Amino acid sequence: MIESASEQLGELLDELSLAARIAAGRYDPKLKEVDTAELARAAAERLGAERVVVSGGGSPVRVDVEAMERAVSALAQCALRHGGLDEVSVIAGDRAVLIAPITKASAPVVLGEDLRDLGAAVAVRAIEANGGQVSLEGETLTVSLPG
């Protein structure tokens, strides 16, 4: 239990540090090429394959890999937590990762507009700081990333 709590505290500190660097204009993303399928798989690894169903062929993008892995995972976790869902789909698309379903109740939280989820709020800001964007159409959240 102590080990798990220590890990969660470390992740929280990482998120706060990233948010502070972005807000202060001191975030310098370490850009590397990664496939969107790898970002989708990272969400399943962090949250569990029984909660995150990964599909799609993916494509290469150029982003801060560690920050984007955390961001995609945080958005999927937010969709699960605030949507009251047992499972979400994370689809690796062409320079994008799609997460569905996003419920009406969870949409403002997942988009980082309602600040009830620090992970999602930081994720949206990190995606934007990497040149990407987050949008919602119907029940599908699209994380568009630079190629």
N, C-alpha and C. Protein backbone atom coordinates (compact mmCIF):
# COMPACT_ATOMS: atom_id res chain seq x y z
N MET A 1 0.82 -1.18 0.00
CA MET A 1 0.00 0.00 0.00
C MET A 1 0.88 1.26 0.00
N ILE A 2 1.94 1.24 0.78
CA ILE A 2 2.84 2.39 0.85
C ILE A 2 3.53 2.60 -0.50
N GLU A 3 3.94 1.51 -1.13
CA GLU A 3 4.59 1.60 -2.43
C GLU A 3 3.65 2.21 -3.47
N SER A 4 2.39 1.78 -3.46
CA SER A 4 1.40 2.31 -4.41
C SER A 4 1.16 3.80 -4.16
N ALA A 5 1.04 4.19 -2.89
CA ALA A 5 0.83 5.60 -2.55
C ALA A 5 2.04 6.44 -2.95
N SER A 6 3.22 5.91 -2.78
CA SER A 6 4.44 6.62 -3.17
C SER A 6 4.48 6.83 -4.68
N GLU A 7 4.08 5.82 -5.42
CA GLU A 7 4.04 5.92 -6.88
C GLU A 7 3.03 6.98 -7.32
N GLN A 8 1.86 6.99 -6.69
CA GLN A 8 0.83 7.98 -7.02
C GLN A 8 1.30 9.39 -6.69
N LEU A 9 1.98 9.55 -5.56
CA LEU A 9 2.49 10.86 -5.17
C LEU A 9 3.55 11.33 -6.17
N GLY A 10 4.41 10.42 -6.61
CA GLY A 10 5.43 10.76 -7.61
C GLY A 10 4.80 11.23 -8.91
N GLU A 11 3.74 10.54 -9.34
CA GLU A 11 3.04 10.92 -10.57
C GLU A 11 2.38 12.28 -10.41
N LEU A 12 1.81 12.54 -9.24
CA LEU A 12 1.18 13.84 -8.98
C LEU A 12 2.21 14.97 -9.03
N LEU A 13 3.36 14.73 -8.44
CA LEU A 13 4.43 15.73 -8.47
C LEU A 13 4.92 15.98 -9.90
N ASP A 14 5.03 14.91 -10.70
CA ASP A 14 5.42 15.06 -12.11
C ASP A 14 4.41 15.91 -12.86
N GLU A 15 3.11 15.67 -12.62
CA GLU A 15 2.06 16.44 -13.29
C GLU A 15 2.11 17.91 -12.88
N LEU A 16 2.27 18.16 -11.58
CA LEU A 16 2.34 19.54 -11.10
C LEU A 16 3.57 20.26 -11.65
N SER A 17 4.68 19.56 -11.72
CA SER A 17 5.90 20.14 -12.28
C SER A 17 5.72 20.50 -13.74
N LEU A 18 5.13 19.61 -14.49
CA LEU A 18 4.88 19.87 -15.91
C LEU A 18 3.93 21.06 -16.08
N ALA A 19 2.86 21.09 -15.30
CA ALA A 19 1.90 22.19 -15.38
C ALA A 19 2.57 23.52 -15.06
N ALA A 20 3.42 23.53 -14.05
CA ALA A 20 4.12 24.76 -13.66
C ALA A 20 5.07 25.23 -14.76
N ARG A 21 5.80 24.29 -15.38
CA ARG A 21 6.72 24.66 -16.46
C ARG A 21 5.96 25.21 -17.66
N ILE A 22 4.83 24.59 -17.99
CA ILE A 22 4.02 25.08 -19.12
C ILE A 22 3.50 26.48 -18.81
N ALA A 23 2.94 26.67 -17.62
CA ALA A 23 2.37 27.96 -17.24
C ALA A 23 3.42 29.06 -17.22
N ALA A 24 4.65 28.72 -16.83
CA ALA A 24 5.72 29.71 -16.75
C ALA A 24 6.45 29.90 -18.07
N GLY A 25 6.07 29.14 -19.10
CA GLY A 25 6.74 29.25 -20.39
C GLY A 25 8.12 28.63 -20.40
N ARG A 26 8.37 27.70 -19.46
CA ARG A 26 9.68 27.06 -19.36
C ARG A 26 9.66 25.60 -19.82
N TYR A 27 8.58 25.17 -20.43
CA TYR A 27 8.49 23.79 -20.90
C TYR A 27 9.13 23.69 -22.28
N ASP A 28 10.13 22.87 -22.38
CA ASP A 28 10.82 22.65 -23.65
C ASP A 28 10.67 21.16 -24.00
N PRO A 29 9.64 20.82 -24.78
CA PRO A 29 9.41 19.40 -25.08
C PRO A 29 10.62 18.75 -25.75
N LYS A 30 10.94 17.56 -25.30
CA LYS A 30 12.01 16.77 -25.92
C LYS A 30 11.36 15.93 -27.02
N LEU A 31 11.35 16.48 -28.22
CA LEU A 31 10.63 15.87 -29.33
C LEU A 31 11.35 14.66 -29.88
N LYS A 32 10.59 13.58 -30.00
CA LYS A 32 11.08 12.34 -30.61
C LYS A 32 9.93 11.76 -31.42
N GLU A 33 10.27 10.93 -32.38
CA GLU A 33 9.24 10.27 -33.17
C GLU A 33 8.72 9.05 -32.41
N VAL A 34 7.41 8.91 -32.41
CA VAL A 34 6.73 7.77 -31.79
C VAL A 34 5.48 7.49 -32.62
N ASP A 35 5.03 6.28 -32.60
CA ASP A 35 3.82 5.91 -33.31
C ASP A 35 2.62 6.12 -32.39
N THR A 36 1.51 6.59 -32.95
CA THR A 36 0.32 6.79 -32.13
C THR A 36 -0.16 5.47 -31.51
N ALA A 37 0.15 4.35 -32.16
CA ALA A 37 -0.22 3.05 -31.59
C ALA A 37 0.54 2.80 -30.29
N GLU A 38 1.78 3.27 -30.21
CA GLU A 38 2.55 3.13 -28.96
C GLU A 38 1.93 3.97 -27.86
N LEU A 39 1.46 5.16 -28.18
CA LEU A 39 0.80 6.01 -27.19
C LEU A 39 -0.48 5.35 -26.68
N ALA A 40 -1.24 4.74 -27.58
CA ALA A 40 -2.47 4.05 -27.20
C ALA A 40 -2.16 2.85 -26.31
N ARG A 41 -1.13 2.09 -26.68
CA ARG A 41 -0.76 0.92 -25.87
C ARG A 41 -0.28 1.33 -24.48
N ALA A 42 0.37 2.47 -24.38
CA ALA A 42 0.85 2.95 -23.07
C ALA A 42 -0.34 3.19 -22.13
N ALA A 43 -1.45 3.68 -22.68
CA ALA A 43 -2.65 3.88 -21.86
C ALA A 43 -3.15 2.55 -21.32
N ALA A 44 -3.18 1.53 -22.17
CA ALA A 44 -3.63 0.21 -21.74
C ALA A 44 -2.69 -0.37 -20.70
N GLU A 45 -1.39 -0.17 -20.87
CA GLU A 45 -0.42 -0.68 -19.89
C GLU A 45 -0.59 0.00 -18.54
N ARG A 46 -0.83 1.30 -18.53
CA ARG A 46 -0.97 2.05 -17.28
C ARG A 46 -2.30 1.75 -16.58
N LEU A 47 -3.37 1.59 -17.36
CA LEU A 47 -4.70 1.47 -16.78
C LEU A 47 -5.25 0.05 -16.77
N GLY A 48 -4.64 -0.84 -17.53
CA GLY A 48 -5.08 -2.22 -17.58
C GLY A 48 -5.81 -2.54 -18.86
N ALA A 49 -5.43 -3.64 -19.48
CA ALA A 49 -6.01 -4.04 -20.76
C ALA A 49 -7.50 -4.37 -20.64
N GLU A 50 -7.95 -4.70 -19.44
CA GLU A 50 -9.38 -4.98 -19.24
C GLU A 50 -10.22 -3.71 -19.22
N ARG A 51 -9.58 -2.55 -19.07
CA ARG A 51 -10.30 -1.27 -19.03
C ARG A 51 -10.10 -0.44 -20.29
N VAL A 52 -9.02 -0.73 -21.04
CA VAL A 52 -8.69 0.05 -22.23
C VAL A 52 -8.51 -0.90 -23.41
N VAL A 53 -9.38 -0.76 -24.40
CA VAL A 53 -9.31 -1.58 -25.60
C VAL A 53 -8.60 -0.76 -26.68
N VAL A 54 -7.47 -1.26 -27.15
CA VAL A 54 -6.64 -0.55 -28.12
C VAL A 54 -6.86 -1.12 -29.51
N SER A 55 -6.98 -0.23 -30.49
CA SER A 55 -7.10 -0.66 -31.89
C SER A 55 -6.50 0.42 -32.78
N GLY A 56 -6.46 0.14 -34.06
CA GLY A 56 -5.97 1.11 -35.04
C GLY A 56 -4.52 0.88 -35.42
N GLY A 57 -4.20 1.30 -36.63
CA GLY A 57 -2.86 1.08 -37.17
C GLY A 57 -1.83 2.09 -36.72
N GLY A 58 -2.28 3.31 -36.42
CA GLY A 58 -1.36 4.34 -35.96
C GLY A 58 -0.55 4.97 -37.07
N SER A 59 0.21 5.98 -36.69
CA SER A 59 1.12 6.65 -37.61
C SER A 59 2.14 7.41 -36.78
N PRO A 60 3.27 7.76 -37.40
CA PRO A 60 4.30 8.47 -36.63
C PRO A 60 3.92 9.92 -36.34
N VAL A 61 4.29 10.35 -35.13
CA VAL A 61 4.15 11.75 -34.72
C VAL A 61 5.45 12.16 -34.04
N ARG A 62 5.66 13.45 -33.91
CA ARG A 62 6.87 13.96 -33.27
C ARG A 62 6.47 14.78 -32.05
N VAL A 63 6.65 14.18 -30.86
CA VAL A 63 6.19 14.78 -29.61
C VAL A 63 7.16 14.43 -28.48
N ASP A 64 6.91 15.01 -27.33
CA ASP A 64 7.59 14.61 -26.09
C ASP A 64 6.92 13.30 -25.67
N VAL A 65 7.58 12.19 -25.91
CA VAL A 65 6.97 10.86 -25.77
C VAL A 65 6.45 10.62 -24.36
N GLU A 66 7.27 10.86 -23.36
CA GLU A 66 6.85 10.59 -21.98
C GLU A 66 5.62 11.42 -21.60
N ALA A 67 5.63 12.70 -21.96
CA ALA A 67 4.50 13.57 -21.63
C ALA A 67 3.24 13.12 -22.36
N MET A 68 3.38 12.69 -23.62
CA MET A 68 2.19 12.27 -24.38
C MET A 68 1.66 10.92 -23.92
N GLU A 69 2.55 10.03 -23.50
CA GLU A 69 2.08 8.76 -22.94
C GLU A 69 1.24 9.03 -21.69
N ARG A 70 1.74 9.91 -20.83
CA ARG A 70 1.00 10.27 -19.61
C ARG A 70 -0.31 10.98 -19.97
N ALA A 71 -0.26 11.86 -20.97
CA ALA A 71 -1.45 12.62 -21.35
C ALA A 71 -2.56 11.71 -21.86
N VAL A 72 -2.24 10.82 -22.78
CA VAL A 72 -3.26 9.92 -23.33
C VAL A 72 -3.82 9.03 -22.22
N SER A 73 -2.95 8.54 -21.35
CA SER A 73 -3.40 7.71 -20.23
C SER A 73 -4.32 8.50 -19.30
N ALA A 74 -3.94 9.74 -19.00
CA ALA A 74 -4.74 10.58 -18.11
C ALA A 74 -6.12 10.86 -18.69
N LEU A 75 -6.19 11.10 -20.00
CA LEU A 75 -7.48 11.36 -20.63
C LEU A 75 -8.36 10.11 -20.63
N ALA A 76 -7.77 8.96 -20.88
CA ALA A 76 -8.53 7.70 -20.83
C ALA A 76 -9.02 7.44 -19.41
N GLN A 77 -8.15 7.66 -18.44
CA GLN A 77 -8.53 7.45 -17.04
C GLN A 77 -9.65 8.42 -16.63
N CYS A 78 -9.57 9.64 -17.08
CA CYS A 78 -10.60 10.63 -16.78
C CYS A 78 -11.94 10.21 -17.38
N ALA A 79 -11.91 9.73 -18.62
CA ALA A 79 -13.14 9.26 -19.27
C ALA A 79 -13.76 8.12 -18.48
N LEU A 80 -12.92 7.21 -18.00
CA LEU A 80 -13.41 6.09 -17.19
C LEU A 80 -14.00 6.59 -15.87
N ARG A 81 -13.24 7.37 -15.16
CA ARG A 81 -13.60 7.82 -13.82
C ARG A 81 -14.83 8.71 -13.82
N HIS A 82 -14.83 9.74 -14.66
CA HIS A 82 -15.91 10.72 -14.63
C HIS A 82 -17.08 10.35 -15.52
N GLY A 83 -16.90 9.34 -16.35
CA GLY A 83 -17.99 8.87 -17.20
C GLY A 83 -18.72 7.69 -16.60
N GLY A 84 -18.20 7.16 -15.47
CA GLY A 84 -18.82 5.99 -14.86
C GLY A 84 -18.73 4.76 -15.74
N LEU A 85 -17.64 4.65 -16.49
CA LEU A 85 -17.48 3.57 -17.46
C LEU A 85 -16.60 2.45 -16.92
N ASP A 86 -16.80 1.27 -17.44
CA ASP A 86 -15.93 0.13 -17.12
C ASP A 86 -14.82 -0.01 -18.15
N GLU A 87 -15.03 0.55 -19.35
CA GLU A 87 -14.09 0.35 -20.45
C GLU A 87 -14.16 1.52 -21.43
N VAL A 88 -13.01 1.87 -21.98
CA VAL A 88 -12.95 2.85 -23.07
C VAL A 88 -12.15 2.27 -24.21
N SER A 89 -12.39 2.79 -25.40
CA SER A 89 -11.60 2.43 -26.57
C SER A 89 -10.60 3.53 -26.84
N VAL A 90 -9.36 3.14 -27.11
CA VAL A 90 -8.33 4.08 -27.51
C VAL A 90 -7.86 3.63 -28.88
N ILE A 91 -8.11 4.48 -29.87
CA ILE A 91 -7.85 4.13 -31.26
C ILE A 91 -6.67 4.94 -31.78
N ALA A 92 -5.66 4.25 -32.28
CA ALA A 92 -4.48 4.91 -32.86
C ALA A 92 -4.79 5.23 -34.31
N GLY A 93 -4.91 6.52 -34.59
CA GLY A 93 -5.24 6.96 -35.94
C GLY A 93 -4.06 7.64 -36.61
N ASP A 94 -4.37 8.31 -37.71
CA ASP A 94 -3.37 9.03 -38.49
C ASP A 94 -3.07 10.36 -37.79
N ARG A 95 -1.93 10.44 -37.14
CA ARG A 95 -1.50 11.59 -36.35
C ARG A 95 -2.53 11.99 -35.30
N ALA A 96 -3.22 10.99 -34.78
CA ALA A 96 -4.23 11.25 -33.75
C ALA A 96 -4.46 10.00 -32.91
N VAL A 97 -4.95 10.24 -31.71
CA VAL A 97 -5.42 9.18 -30.84
C VAL A 97 -6.85 9.54 -30.47
N LEU A 98 -7.76 8.58 -30.65
CA LEU A 98 -9.17 8.81 -30.36
C LEU A 98 -9.57 8.01 -29.13
N ILE A 99 -10.35 8.63 -28.24
CA ILE A 99 -10.81 7.97 -27.02
C ILE A 99 -12.32 8.06 -27.00
N ALA A 100 -12.98 6.91 -26.77
CA ALA A 100 -14.44 6.88 -26.76
C ALA A 100 -14.92 5.75 -25.85
N PRO A 101 -16.09 5.87 -25.28
CA PRO A 101 -16.99 7.01 -25.35
C PRO A 101 -16.65 8.06 -24.29
N ILE A 102 -17.01 9.27 -24.61
CA ILE A 102 -16.94 10.37 -23.67
C ILE A 102 -18.38 10.76 -23.37
N THR A 103 -18.79 10.62 -22.13
CA THR A 103 -20.18 10.95 -21.78
C THR A 103 -20.36 12.46 -21.70
N LYS A 104 -21.61 12.90 -21.79
CA LYS A 104 -21.90 14.33 -21.68
C LYS A 104 -21.44 14.88 -20.34
N ALA A 105 -21.61 14.10 -19.28
CA ALA A 105 -21.22 14.56 -17.95
C ALA A 105 -19.71 14.69 -17.81
N SER A 106 -18.96 13.81 -18.48
CA SER A 106 -17.50 13.84 -18.33
C SER A 106 -16.82 14.77 -19.32
N ALA A 107 -17.51 15.19 -20.37
CA ALA A 107 -16.88 15.97 -21.44
C ALA A 107 -16.14 17.21 -20.95
N PRO A 108 -16.74 18.08 -20.11
CA PRO A 108 -16.00 19.27 -19.68
C PRO A 108 -14.76 18.93 -18.84
N VAL A 109 -14.82 17.84 -18.11
CA VAL A 109 -13.68 17.43 -17.29
C VAL A 109 -12.57 16.89 -18.18
N VAL A 110 -12.92 16.05 -19.14
CA VAL A 110 -11.94 15.47 -20.06
C VAL A 110 -11.27 16.55 -20.91
N LEU A 111 -12.02 17.56 -21.28
CA LEU A 111 -11.48 18.65 -22.10
C LEU A 111 -10.65 19.64 -21.28
N GLY A 112 -10.57 19.43 -19.97
CA GLY A 112 -9.79 20.32 -19.11
C GLY A 112 -10.48 21.63 -18.81
N GLU A 113 -11.77 21.73 -19.10
CA GLU A 113 -12.53 22.95 -18.86
C GLU A 113 -13.06 23.00 -17.42
N ASP A 114 -13.52 21.86 -16.92
CA ASP A 114 -13.96 21.71 -15.54
C ASP A 114 -12.79 21.06 -14.80
N LEU A 115 -12.19 21.78 -13.89
CA LEU A 115 -10.92 21.34 -13.29
C LEU A 115 -11.10 20.38 -12.12
N ARG A 116 -11.91 19.35 -12.31
CA ARG A 116 -12.09 18.32 -11.29
C ARG A 116 -11.10 17.17 -11.44
N ASP A 117 -10.28 17.19 -12.47
CA ASP A 117 -9.32 16.11 -12.70
C ASP A 117 -7.99 16.74 -13.14
N LEU A 118 -7.04 16.76 -12.23
CA LEU A 118 -5.74 17.39 -12.51
C LEU A 118 -5.05 16.72 -13.69
N GLY A 119 -5.11 15.40 -13.76
CA GLY A 119 -4.45 14.68 -14.85
C GLY A 119 -4.95 15.12 -16.21
N ALA A 120 -6.27 15.24 -16.36
CA ALA A 120 -6.84 15.66 -17.64
C ALA A 120 -6.49 17.11 -17.96
N ALA A 121 -6.56 17.97 -16.95
CA ALA A 121 -6.24 19.39 -17.17
C ALA A 121 -4.80 19.56 -17.63
N VAL A 122 -3.88 18.86 -17.00
CA VAL A 122 -2.47 18.94 -17.38
C VAL A 122 -2.27 18.29 -18.75
N ALA A 123 -2.97 17.18 -19.01
CA ALA A 123 -2.85 16.49 -20.30
C ALA A 123 -3.20 17.41 -21.46
N VAL A 124 -4.31 18.12 -21.35
CA VAL A 124 -4.74 19.01 -22.43
C VAL A 124 -3.68 20.09 -22.66
N ARG A 125 -3.16 20.65 -21.58
CA ARG A 125 -2.15 21.70 -21.72
C ARG A 125 -0.85 21.16 -22.30
N ALA A 126 -0.48 19.94 -21.92
CA ALA A 126 0.74 19.32 -22.45
C ALA A 126 0.60 19.03 -23.94
N ILE A 127 -0.57 18.55 -24.34
CA ILE A 127 -0.83 18.27 -25.76
C ILE A 127 -0.71 19.55 -26.57
N GLU A 128 -1.32 20.62 -26.07
CA GLU A 128 -1.24 21.91 -26.77
C GLU A 128 0.19 22.44 -26.81
N ALA A 129 0.95 22.24 -25.73
CA ALA A 129 2.34 22.70 -25.68
C ALA A 129 3.23 21.91 -26.64
N ASN A 130 2.76 20.74 -27.06
CA ASN A 130 3.49 19.92 -28.03
C ASN A 130 3.01 20.18 -29.45
N GLY A 131 2.15 21.18 -29.63
CA GLY A 131 1.66 21.52 -30.96
C GLY A 131 0.43 20.76 -31.37
N GLY A 132 -0.19 20.05 -30.44
CA GLY A 132 -1.39 19.28 -30.74
C GLY A 132 -2.64 20.01 -30.28
N GLN A 133 -3.76 19.32 -30.42
CA GLN A 133 -5.02 19.88 -29.93
C GLN A 133 -5.96 18.75 -29.54
N VAL A 134 -6.91 19.10 -28.69
CA VAL A 134 -7.91 18.15 -28.21
C VAL A 134 -9.28 18.67 -28.61
N SER A 135 -10.08 17.80 -29.21
CA SER A 135 -11.43 18.21 -29.62
C SER A 135 -12.40 17.05 -29.36
N LEU A 136 -13.66 17.41 -29.25
CA LEU A 136 -14.70 16.43 -28.99
C LEU A 136 -15.76 16.54 -30.06
N GLU A 137 -16.07 15.40 -30.67
CA GLU A 137 -17.16 15.34 -31.64
C GLU A 137 -18.04 14.16 -31.25
N GLY A 138 -19.26 14.47 -30.84
CA GLY A 138 -20.14 13.41 -30.35
C GLY A 138 -19.56 12.82 -29.08
N GLU A 139 -19.34 11.52 -29.09
CA GLU A 139 -18.78 10.82 -27.93
C GLU A 139 -17.31 10.46 -28.12
N THR A 140 -16.64 11.07 -29.11
CA THR A 140 -15.26 10.73 -29.41
C THR A 140 -14.34 11.93 -29.17
N LEU A 141 -13.35 11.72 -28.33
CA LEU A 141 -12.33 12.71 -28.07
C LEU A 141 -11.18 12.45 -29.05
N THR A 142 -10.76 13.49 -29.77
CA THR A 142 -9.65 13.35 -30.70
C THR A 142 -8.48 14.15 -30.19
N VAL A 143 -7.36 13.47 -30.02
CA VAL A 143 -6.10 14.11 -29.65
C VAL A 143 -5.27 14.16 -30.94
N SER A 144 -5.24 15.33 -31.56
CA SER A 144 -4.47 15.51 -32.80
C SER A 144 -3.06 15.91 -32.44
N LEU A 145 -2.09 15.27 -33.09
CA LEU A 145 -0.68 15.50 -32.78
C LEU A 145 0.11 15.87 -34.04
N PRO A 146 1.18 16.65 -33.88
CA PRO A 146 1.97 17.05 -35.06
C PRO A 146 2.74 15.88 -35.64
N GLY A 147 2.82 15.87 -36.95
CA GLY A 147 3.53 14.80 -37.65
C GLY A 147 5.00 14.97 -37.74
